[in-house]
Amino acid sequence: MAGGSVAFRVPQSARIEIKFSAAELHREELAFWLRLHPAGFHAPFPPRWVNNLYFDTHDYGAYAENMCGASSRTKVRYRWYGESRAPDAGALEVKCKRNFFGWKLRFDVAEKPYRPGIDARSLRRAVLQQLPAAGREWLNASPFPVLVNRYRRRYFLSADHRIRVTLDTDQSVWDQRYKSTPNFSVRTVQRPILVVEFKFDRRDRDIASRYMRGMPIRVSRHSKYVCGTSAIADSRTPQYFL
């Protein structure tokens, strides 16, 4: 994969990322647990919507890497924040993972790449035109738009500023495969899942382990991209307008 030699070398800045997932009905229980935690978790930022357009190879290489549990893997996505389901100004991100270590390569896109009526190819071209050479290489290596997902993210930070936690809820997915124009209206039905992620520096591993004790849900492998791709690939999955 493009840039793979860089992606598989873990930089010193890489964080350890530990995920938990559960049914959405546990959302308030988890928020309550975090608010009352002795580590003094607080919200450093207000909640916001996170939106992603995921790209893959035509043979779903990133999906396959995750499904087989490859220790080193990458995903390419275009990310923007806010209420708009259509791509706004944001960044192309290459999400790199090696075991529990995670980091991102980020390429900013200053101008909104989407305008009503454009086709999927024009949308991708509008992103490409704003990328440096390294970003274009990654997107050209994963040119196939698979899905758009969005979720509401809440942020928590421990009082000692060492441990960051995100709580993602209200996930939605829109199938982008083989569409002549981007699809932001026909949504794929998914099982409602929330995701909690602890993120911390490698030197804070023992502190994080202590803070995670008593978590009301279990550690689990979870990929929003994989879950979304599985849902849209299931021909029996109902879809509806939203």
C-alpha atoms as a PDB file:
ATOM      1  CA  MET A   1       0.000   0.000   0.000  1.00  0.00           C
ATOM      2  CA  ALA A   2       1.218   3.541  -0.723  1.00  0.00           C
ATOM      3  CA  GLY A   3       3.377   4.922   2.029  1.00  0.00           C
ATOM      4  CA  GLY A   4       3.330   1.577   3.858  1.00  0.00           C
ATOM      5  CA  SER A   5       6.977   1.739   4.916  1.00  0.00           C
ATOM      6  CA  VAL A   6       6.179   4.935   6.786  1.00  0.00           C
ATOM      7  CA  ALA A   7       2.882   3.692   8.219  1.00  0.00           C
ATOM      8  CA  PHE A   8       4.381   0.565   9.759  1.00  0.00           C
ATOM      9  CA  ARG A   9       7.161   2.398  11.618  1.00  0.00           C
ATOM     10  CA  VAL A  10       5.635   3.420  14.940  1.00  0.00           C
ATOM     11  CA  PRO A  11       6.529   7.081  15.638  1.00  0.00           C
ATOM     12  CA  GLN A  12       7.343   8.235  19.158  1.00  0.00           C
ATOM     13  CA  SER A  13       4.218  10.398  19.047  1.00  0.00           C
ATOM     14  CA  ALA A  14       1.938   7.366  18.552  1.00  0.00           C
ATOM     15  CA  ARG A  15      -0.622   6.816  21.310  1.00  0.00           C
ATOM     16  CA  ILE A  16      -1.878   3.608  22.792  1.00  0.00           C
ATOM     17  CA  GLU A  17      -5.586   3.276  21.977  1.00  0.00           C
ATOM     18  CA  ILE A  18      -7.880   0.879  23.855  1.00  0.00           C
ATOM     19  CA  LYS A  19     -11.483   0.481  22.658  1.00  0.00           C
ATOM     20  CA  PHE A  20     -14.637  -0.673  24.394  1.00  0.00           C
ATOM     21  CA  SER A  21     -17.981  -1.143  22.649  1.00  0.00           C
ATOM     22  CA  ALA A  22     -21.511  -1.838  23.863  1.00  0.00           C
ATOM     23  CA  ALA A  23     -25.153  -1.376  22.976  1.00  0.00           C
ATOM     24  CA  GLU A  24     -26.267   2.268  22.922  1.00  0.00           C
ATOM     25  CA  LEU A  25     -28.580   1.726  25.876  1.00  0.00           C
ATOM     26  CA  HIS A  26     -25.446   1.944  28.078  1.00  0.00           C
ATOM     27  CA  ARG A  27     -24.585   5.499  27.014  1.00  0.00           C
ATOM     28  CA  GLU A  28     -25.795   7.306  30.136  1.00  0.00           C
ATOM     29  CA  GLU A  29     -24.352   4.622  32.393  1.00  0.00           C
ATOM     30  CA  LEU A  30     -20.939   5.167  30.815  1.00  0.00           C
ATOM     31  CA  ALA A  31     -21.156   8.957  30.898  1.00  0.00           C
ATOM     32  CA  PHE A  32     -22.139   8.738  34.578  1.00  0.00           C
ATOM     33  CA  TRP A  33     -19.206   6.384  35.295  1.00  0.00           C
ATOM     34  CA  LEU A  34     -16.779   8.833  33.669  1.00  0.00           C
ATOM     35  CA  ARG A  35     -18.192  11.877  35.460  1.00  0.00           C
ATOM     36  CA  LEU A  36     -17.884  10.200  38.879  1.00  0.00           C
ATOM     37  CA  HIS A  37     -14.504   8.595  38.195  1.00  0.00           C
ATOM     38  CA  PRO A  38     -11.816   9.347  40.840  1.00  0.00           C
ATOM     39  CA  ALA A  39      -9.483  10.404  38.001  1.00  0.00           C
ATOM     40  CA  GLY A  40     -11.595  13.545  37.722  1.00  0.00           C
ATOM     41  CA  PHE A  41     -12.585  13.245  34.063  1.00  0.00           C
ATOM     42  CA  HIS A  42     -14.034  16.467  32.652  1.00  0.00           C
ATOM     43  CA  ALA A  43     -15.135  17.667  29.216  1.00  0.00           C
ATOM     44  CA  PRO A  44     -12.382  19.844  27.666  1.00  0.00           C
ATOM     45  CA  PHE A  45     -14.450  20.434  24.503  1.00  0.00           C
ATOM     46  CA  PRO A  46     -18.170  20.440  23.701  1.00  0.00           C
ATOM     47  CA  PRO A  47     -19.575  17.415  21.826  1.00  0.00           C
ATOM     48  CA  ARG A  48     -19.531  17.542  18.044  1.00  0.00           C
ATOM     49  CA  TRP A  49     -20.469  15.520  14.987  1.00  0.00           C
ATOM     50  CA  VAL A  50     -17.622  13.621  13.319  1.00  0.00           C
ATOM     51  CA  ASN A  51     -18.096  12.735   9.630  1.00  0.00           C
ATOM     52  CA  ASN A  52     -15.952  10.443   7.477  1.00  0.00           C
ATOM     53  CA  LEU A  53     -15.888   9.380   3.845  1.00  0.00           C
ATOM     54  CA  TYR A  54     -13.916   6.101   3.743  1.00  0.00           C
ATOM     55  CA  PHE A  55     -11.915   5.014   0.709  1.00  0.00           C
ATOM     56  CA  ASP A  56     -10.518   1.553   0.049  1.00  0.00           C
ATOM     57  CA  THR A  57      -8.981  -0.495  -2.741  1.00  0.00           C
ATOM     58  CA  HIS A  58     -11.401  -2.133  -5.176  1.00  0.00           C
ATOM     59  CA  ASP A  59     -10.754  -5.484  -3.488  1.00  0.00           C
ATOM     60  CA  TYR A  60     -11.408  -3.998  -0.002  1.00  0.00           C
ATOM     61  CA  GLY A  61      -7.815  -4.297   1.191  1.00  0.00           C
ATOM     62  CA  ALA A  62      -8.258  -2.181   4.341  1.00  0.00           C
ATOM     63  CA  TYR A  63     -11.400  -4.107   5.278  1.00  0.00           C
ATOM     64  CA  ALA A  64      -9.586  -7.423   4.808  1.00  0.00           C
ATOM     65  CA  GLU A  65      -6.600  -6.288   6.899  1.00  0.00           C
ATOM     66  CA  ASN A  66      -8.876  -5.500   9.802  1.00  0.00           C
ATOM     67  CA  MET A  67     -10.981  -8.636   9.502  1.00  0.00           C
ATOM     68  CA  CYS A  68      -7.915 -10.908   9.567  1.00  0.00           C
ATOM     69  CA  GLY A  69      -6.470  -9.043  12.555  1.00  0.00           C
ATOM     70  CA  ALA A  70      -3.322  -7.792  10.798  1.00  0.00           C
ATOM     71  CA  SER A  71      -1.044  -6.231  13.390  1.00  0.00           C
ATOM     72  CA  SER A  72      -0.151  -3.385  11.002  1.00  0.00           C
ATOM     73  CA  ARG A  73      -2.899  -1.782   8.962  1.00  0.00           C
ATOM     74  CA  THR A  74      -4.069   1.515   7.509  1.00  0.00           C
ATOM     75  CA  LYS A  75      -7.367   3.157   6.536  1.00  0.00           C
ATOM     76  CA  VAL A  76      -7.865   6.182   4.282  1.00  0.00           C
ATOM     77  CA  ARG A  77     -10.702   8.592   5.039  1.00  0.00           C
ATOM     78  CA  TYR A  78     -11.767  12.153   4.393  1.00  0.00           C
ATOM     79  CA  ARG A  79     -12.890  13.712   7.687  1.00  0.00           C
ATOM     80  CA  TRP A  80     -14.874  16.847   8.477  1.00  0.00           C
ATOM     81  CA  TYR A  81     -16.752  18.087  11.528  1.00  0.00           C
ATOM     82  CA  GLY A  82     -20.172  19.612  12.037  1.00  0.00           C
ATOM     83  CA  GLU A  83     -23.787  19.149  11.010  1.00  0.00           C
ATOM     84  CA  SER A  84     -23.263  18.718   7.256  1.00  0.00           C
ATOM     85  CA  ARG A  85     -23.520  15.154   5.974  1.00  0.00           C
ATOM     86  CA  ALA A  86     -21.946  16.314   2.687  1.00  0.00           C
ATOM     87  CA  PRO A  87     -18.157  16.750   2.774  1.00  0.00           C
ATOM     88  CA  ASP A  88     -17.088  20.140   4.092  1.00  0.00           C
ATOM     89  CA  ALA A  89     -13.608  21.598   4.511  1.00  0.00           C
ATOM     90  CA  GLY A  90     -11.579  19.074   6.490  1.00  0.00           C
ATOM     91  CA  ALA A  91      -8.652  16.731   5.963  1.00  0.00           C
ATOM     92  CA  LEU A  92      -7.627  13.502   4.295  1.00  0.00           C
ATOM     93  CA  GLU A  93      -6.470  11.233   7.105  1.00  0.00           C
ATOM     94  CA  VAL A  94      -4.534   7.988   6.935  1.00  0.00           C
ATOM     95  CA  LYS A  95      -5.323   6.123  10.141  1.00  0.00           C
ATOM     96  CA  CYS A  96      -2.338   3.916  10.980  1.00  0.00           C
ATOM     97  CA  LYS A  97      -2.486   1.104  13.483  1.00  0.00           C
ATOM     98  CA  ARG A  98       0.132  -1.259  14.824  1.00  0.00           C
ATOM     99  CA  ASN A  99      -1.109  -3.506  17.603  1.00  0.00           C
ATOM    100  CA  PHE A 100      -2.428  -1.072  20.255  1.00  0.00           C
ATOM    101  CA  PHE A 101      -0.509   1.912  18.859  1.00  0.00           C
ATOM    102  CA  GLY A 102      -2.390   4.404  16.691  1.00  0.00           C
ATOM    103  CA  TRP A 103      -1.440   7.556  14.809  1.00  0.00           C
ATOM    104  CA  LYS A 104      -2.602   9.588  11.818  1.00  0.00           C
ATOM    105  CA  LEU A 105      -1.135  11.156   8.723  1.00  0.00           C
ATOM    106  CA  ARG A 106      -3.170  14.299   8.059  1.00  0.00           C
ATOM    107  CA  PHE A 107      -3.466  16.401   4.891  1.00  0.00           C
ATOM    108  CA  ASP A 108      -5.651  19.509   5.232  1.00  0.00           C
ATOM    109  CA  VAL A 109      -8.261  20.393   2.629  1.00  0.00           C
ATOM    110  CA  ALA A 110      -9.115  24.085   3.061  1.00  0.00           C
ATOM    111  CA  GLU A 111     -11.955  24.410   0.533  1.00  0.00           C
ATOM    112  CA  LYS A 112     -15.198  22.453   0.671  1.00  0.00           C
ATOM    113  CA  PRO A 113     -14.862  19.698  -1.958  1.00  0.00           C
ATOM    114  CA  TYR A 114     -18.587  19.039  -2.394  1.00  0.00           C
ATOM    115  CA  ARG A 115     -21.219  21.073  -4.184  1.00  0.00           C
ATOM    116  CA  PRO A 116     -24.764  19.873  -4.936  1.00  0.00           C
ATOM    117  CA  GLY A 117     -25.083  17.907  -8.158  1.00  0.00           C
ATOM    118  CA  ILE A 118     -21.469  16.812  -8.607  1.00  0.00           C
ATOM    119  CA  ASP A 119     -20.717  13.158  -9.223  1.00  0.00           C
ATOM    120  CA  ALA A 120     -18.569  10.908  -7.042  1.00  0.00           C
ATOM    121  CA  ARG A 121     -15.575  11.185  -9.371  1.00  0.00           C
ATOM    122  CA  SER A 122     -15.683  14.993  -9.253  1.00  0.00           C
ATOM    123  CA  LEU A 123     -15.854  14.936  -5.463  1.00  0.00           C
ATOM    124  CA  ARG A 124     -12.748  12.778  -5.260  1.00  0.00           C
ATOM    125  CA  ARG A 125     -10.983  15.013  -7.802  1.00  0.00           C
ATOM    126  CA  ALA A 126     -11.823  18.106  -5.719  1.00  0.00           C
ATOM    127  CA  VAL A 127     -10.118  16.496  -2.728  1.00  0.00           C
ATOM    128  CA  LEU A 128      -7.109  15.342  -4.783  1.00  0.00           C
ATOM    129  CA  GLN A 129      -6.493  18.808  -6.206  1.00  0.00           C
ATOM    130  CA  GLN A 130      -5.956  20.216  -2.719  1.00  0.00           C
ATOM    131  CA  LEU A 131      -3.568  17.536  -1.468  1.00  0.00           C
ATOM    132  CA  PRO A 132       0.229  17.501  -1.437  1.00  0.00           C
ATOM    133  CA  ALA A 133       2.000  14.706  -3.293  1.00  0.00           C
ATOM    134  CA  ALA A 134       2.041  12.335  -0.304  1.00  0.00           C
ATOM    135  CA  GLY A 135      -1.701  12.756   0.237  1.00  0.00           C
ATOM    136  CA  ARG A 136      -2.441  12.174  -3.450  1.00  0.00           C
ATOM    137  CA  GLU A 137      -0.394   8.965  -3.332  1.00  0.00           C
ATOM    138  CA  TRP A 138      -2.495   7.595  -0.473  1.00  0.00           C
ATOM    139  CA  LEU A 139      -5.816   8.516  -2.077  1.00  0.00           C
ATOM    140  CA  ASN A 140      -4.771   7.152  -5.460  1.00  0.00           C
ATOM    141  CA  ALA A 141      -3.813   3.870  -3.766  1.00  0.00           C
ATOM    142  CA  SER A 142      -7.285   3.652  -2.151  1.00  0.00           C
ATOM    143  CA  PRO A 143      -9.537   5.260  -4.776  1.00  0.00           C
ATOM    144  CA  PHE A 144     -12.821   3.459  -4.122  1.00  0.00           C
ATOM    145  CA  PRO A 145     -15.421   5.385  -2.015  1.00  0.00           C
ATOM    146  CA  VAL A 146     -17.142   2.845   0.236  1.00  0.00           C
ATOM    147  CA  LEU A 147     -19.198   4.670   2.832  1.00  0.00           C
ATOM    148  CA  VAL A 148     -19.898   7.851   4.753  1.00  0.00           C
ATOM    149  CA  ASN A 149     -20.347   7.518   8.481  1.00  0.00           C
ATOM    150  CA  ARG A 150     -21.064  10.030  11.209  1.00  0.00           C
ATOM    151  CA  TYR A 151     -21.378   9.922  14.968  1.00  0.00           C
ATOM    152  CA  ARG A 152     -21.671  12.240  17.939  1.00  0.00           C
ATOM    153  CA  ARG A 153     -18.430  12.418  19.921  1.00  0.00           C
ATOM    154  CA  ARG A 154     -18.092  13.458  23.539  1.00  0.00           C
ATOM    155  CA  TYR A 155     -14.660  14.220  24.965  1.00  0.00           C
ATOM    156  CA  PHE A 156     -13.258  13.551  28.427  1.00  0.00           C
ATOM    157  CA  LEU A 157      -9.862  14.368  29.931  1.00  0.00           C
ATOM    158  CA  SER A 158      -8.468  13.195  33.276  1.00  0.00           C
ATOM    159  CA  ALA A 159      -7.588  15.830  35.873  1.00  0.00           C
ATOM    160  CA  ASP A 160      -3.880  15.037  35.434  1.00  0.00           C
ATOM    161  CA  HIS A 161      -4.260  15.578  31.639  1.00  0.00           C
ATOM    162  CA  ARG A 162      -2.682  12.187  30.935  1.00  0.00           C
ATOM    163  CA  ILE A 163      -5.655  10.140  29.756  1.00  0.00           C
ATOM    164  CA  ARG A 164      -8.091  11.151  27.014  1.00  0.00           C
ATOM    165  CA  VAL A 165     -11.400   9.374  26.498  1.00  0.00           C
ATOM    166  CA  THR A 166     -13.915   9.675  23.671  1.00  0.00           C
ATOM    167  CA  LEU A 167     -17.502   8.426  23.738  1.00  0.00           C
ATOM    168  CA  ASP A 168     -19.076   7.954  20.286  1.00  0.00           C
ATOM    169  CA  THR A 169     -22.834   7.481  19.897  1.00  0.00           C
ATOM    170  CA  ASP A 170     -25.632   7.993  17.333  1.00  0.00           C
ATOM    171  CA  GLN A 171     -23.766   6.331  14.490  1.00  0.00           C
ATOM    172  CA  SER A 172     -25.156   6.476  10.949  1.00  0.00           C
ATOM    173  CA  VAL A 173     -23.876   5.016   7.652  1.00  0.00           C
ATOM    174  CA  TRP A 174     -24.536   5.866   3.984  1.00  0.00           C
ATOM    175  CA  ASP A 175     -23.467   3.459   1.238  1.00  0.00           C
ATOM    176  CA  GLN A 176     -21.272   5.096  -1.449  1.00  0.00           C
ATOM    177  CA  ARG A 177     -20.378   2.039  -3.542  1.00  0.00           C
ATOM    178  CA  TYR A 178     -21.051   2.207  -7.276  1.00  0.00           C
ATOM    179  CA  LYS A 179     -23.030   5.457  -6.961  1.00  0.00           C
ATOM    180  CA  SER A 180     -22.979   7.951  -9.811  1.00  0.00           C
ATOM    181  CA  THR A 181     -23.561  10.745  -7.293  1.00  0.00           C
ATOM    182  CA  PRO A 182     -22.695  10.806  -3.578  1.00  0.00           C
ATOM    183  CA  ASN A 183     -25.401   9.308  -1.364  1.00  0.00           C
ATOM    184  CA  PHE A 184     -26.333  11.346   1.710  1.00  0.00           C
ATOM    185  CA  SER A 185     -30.017  10.437   1.922  1.00  0.00           C
ATOM    186  CA  VAL A 186     -30.509   6.649   1.854  1.00  0.00           C
ATOM    187  CA  ARG A 187     -29.139   5.424   5.148  1.00  0.00           C
ATOM    188  CA  THR A 188     -28.185   1.839   5.971  1.00  0.00           C
ATOM    189  CA  VAL A 189     -29.688   0.451   9.147  1.00  0.00           C
ATOM    190  CA  GLN A 190     -27.109  -0.643  11.702  1.00  0.00           C
ATOM    191  CA  ARG A 191     -27.310  -2.140  15.158  1.00  0.00           C
ATOM    192  CA  PRO A 192     -26.931   0.863  17.525  1.00  0.00           C
ATOM    193  CA  ILE A 193     -23.468   0.606  19.083  1.00  0.00           C
ATOM    194  CA  LEU A 194     -21.485   3.053  21.189  1.00  0.00           C
ATOM    195  CA  VAL A 195     -17.695   3.110  21.309  1.00  0.00           C
ATOM    196  CA  VAL A 196     -15.500   4.285  24.187  1.00  0.00           C
ATOM    197  CA  GLU A 197     -11.804   4.775  23.519  1.00  0.00           C
ATOM    198  CA  PHE A 198      -8.983   5.476  25.990  1.00  0.00           C
ATOM    199  CA  LYS A 199      -5.993   7.230  24.406  1.00  0.00           C
ATOM    200  CA  PHE A 200      -2.703   7.800  26.199  1.00  0.00           C
ATOM    201  CA  ASP A 201       1.057   8.012  25.885  1.00  0.00           C
ATOM    202  CA  ARG A 202       3.010   4.769  26.204  1.00  0.00           C
ATOM    203  CA  ARG A 203       4.668   6.002  29.428  1.00  0.00           C
ATOM    204  CA  ASP A 204       1.193   6.298  31.014  1.00  0.00           C
ATOM    205  CA  ARG A 205       0.202   2.683  30.408  1.00  0.00           C
ATOM    206  CA  ASP A 206       0.062   1.789  34.137  1.00  0.00           C
ATOM    207  CA  ILE A 207      -1.992   4.877  34.987  1.00  0.00           C
ATOM    208  CA  ALA A 208      -4.458   4.125  32.187  1.00  0.00           C
ATOM    209  CA  SER A 209      -4.757   0.508  33.299  1.00  0.00           C
ATOM    210  CA  ARG A 210      -5.684   1.705  36.770  1.00  0.00           C
ATOM    211  CA  TYR A 211      -8.219   4.208  35.431  1.00  0.00           C
ATOM    212  CA  MET A 212      -9.887   1.566  33.248  1.00  0.00           C
ATOM    213  CA  ARG A 213     -10.605  -0.745  36.174  1.00  0.00           C
ATOM    214  CA  GLY A 214     -14.289  -1.048  36.883  1.00  0.00           C
ATOM    215  CA  MET A 215     -15.274  -0.094  33.338  1.00  0.00           C
ATOM    216  CA  PRO A 216     -18.878  -1.374  32.988  1.00  0.00           C
ATOM    217  CA  ILE A 217     -18.180  -2.808  29.502  1.00  0.00           C
ATOM    218  CA  ARG A 218     -15.370  -4.961  28.141  1.00  0.00           C
ATOM    219  CA  VAL A 219     -12.425  -4.231  25.873  1.00  0.00           C
ATOM    220  CA  SER A 220     -13.271  -5.270  22.313  1.00  0.00           C
ATOM    221  CA  ARG A 221     -11.915  -4.985  18.787  1.00  0.00           C
ATOM    222  CA  HIS A 222     -14.167  -2.537  16.984  1.00  0.00           C
ATOM    223  CA  SER A 223     -13.862  -0.674  13.707  1.00  0.00           C
ATOM    224  CA  LYS A 224     -16.613   1.702  12.610  1.00  0.00           C
ATOM    225  CA  TYR A 225     -15.446   1.244   9.035  1.00  0.00           C
ATOM    226  CA  VAL A 226     -15.592  -2.556   9.203  1.00  0.00           C
ATOM    227  CA  CYS A 227     -19.002  -2.558  10.906  1.00  0.00           C
ATOM    228  CA  GLY A 228     -20.370  -0.097   8.362  1.00  0.00           C
ATOM    229  CA  THR A 229     -18.949  -2.022   5.411  1.00  0.00           C
ATOM    230  CA  SER A 230     -20.393  -5.269   6.724  1.00  0.00           C
ATOM    231  CA  ALA A 231     -23.813  -3.648   7.088  1.00  0.00           C
ATOM    232  CA  ILE A 232     -23.947  -2.180   3.581  1.00  0.00           C
ATOM    233  CA  ALA A 233     -22.568  -5.391   2.032  1.00  0.00           C
ATOM    234  CA  ASP A 234     -25.406  -7.424   3.520  1.00  0.00           C
ATOM    235  CA  SER A 235     -28.066  -7.399   0.814  1.00  0.00           C
ATOM    236  CA  ARG A 236     -30.680  -8.181   3.438  1.00  0.00           C
ATOM    237  CA  THR A 237     -29.941  -4.984   5.344  1.00  0.00           C
ATOM    238  CA  PRO A 238     -32.926  -2.583   5.012  1.00  0.00           C
ATOM    239  CA  GLN A 239     -32.215   1.020   4.089  1.00  0.00           C
ATOM    240  CA  TYR A 240     -34.291   4.157   4.482  1.00  0.00           C
ATOM    241  CA  PHE A 241     -34.290   7.851   3.677  1.00  0.00           C
ATOM    242  CA  LEU A 242     -33.010  10.278   6.311  1.00  0.00           C
END
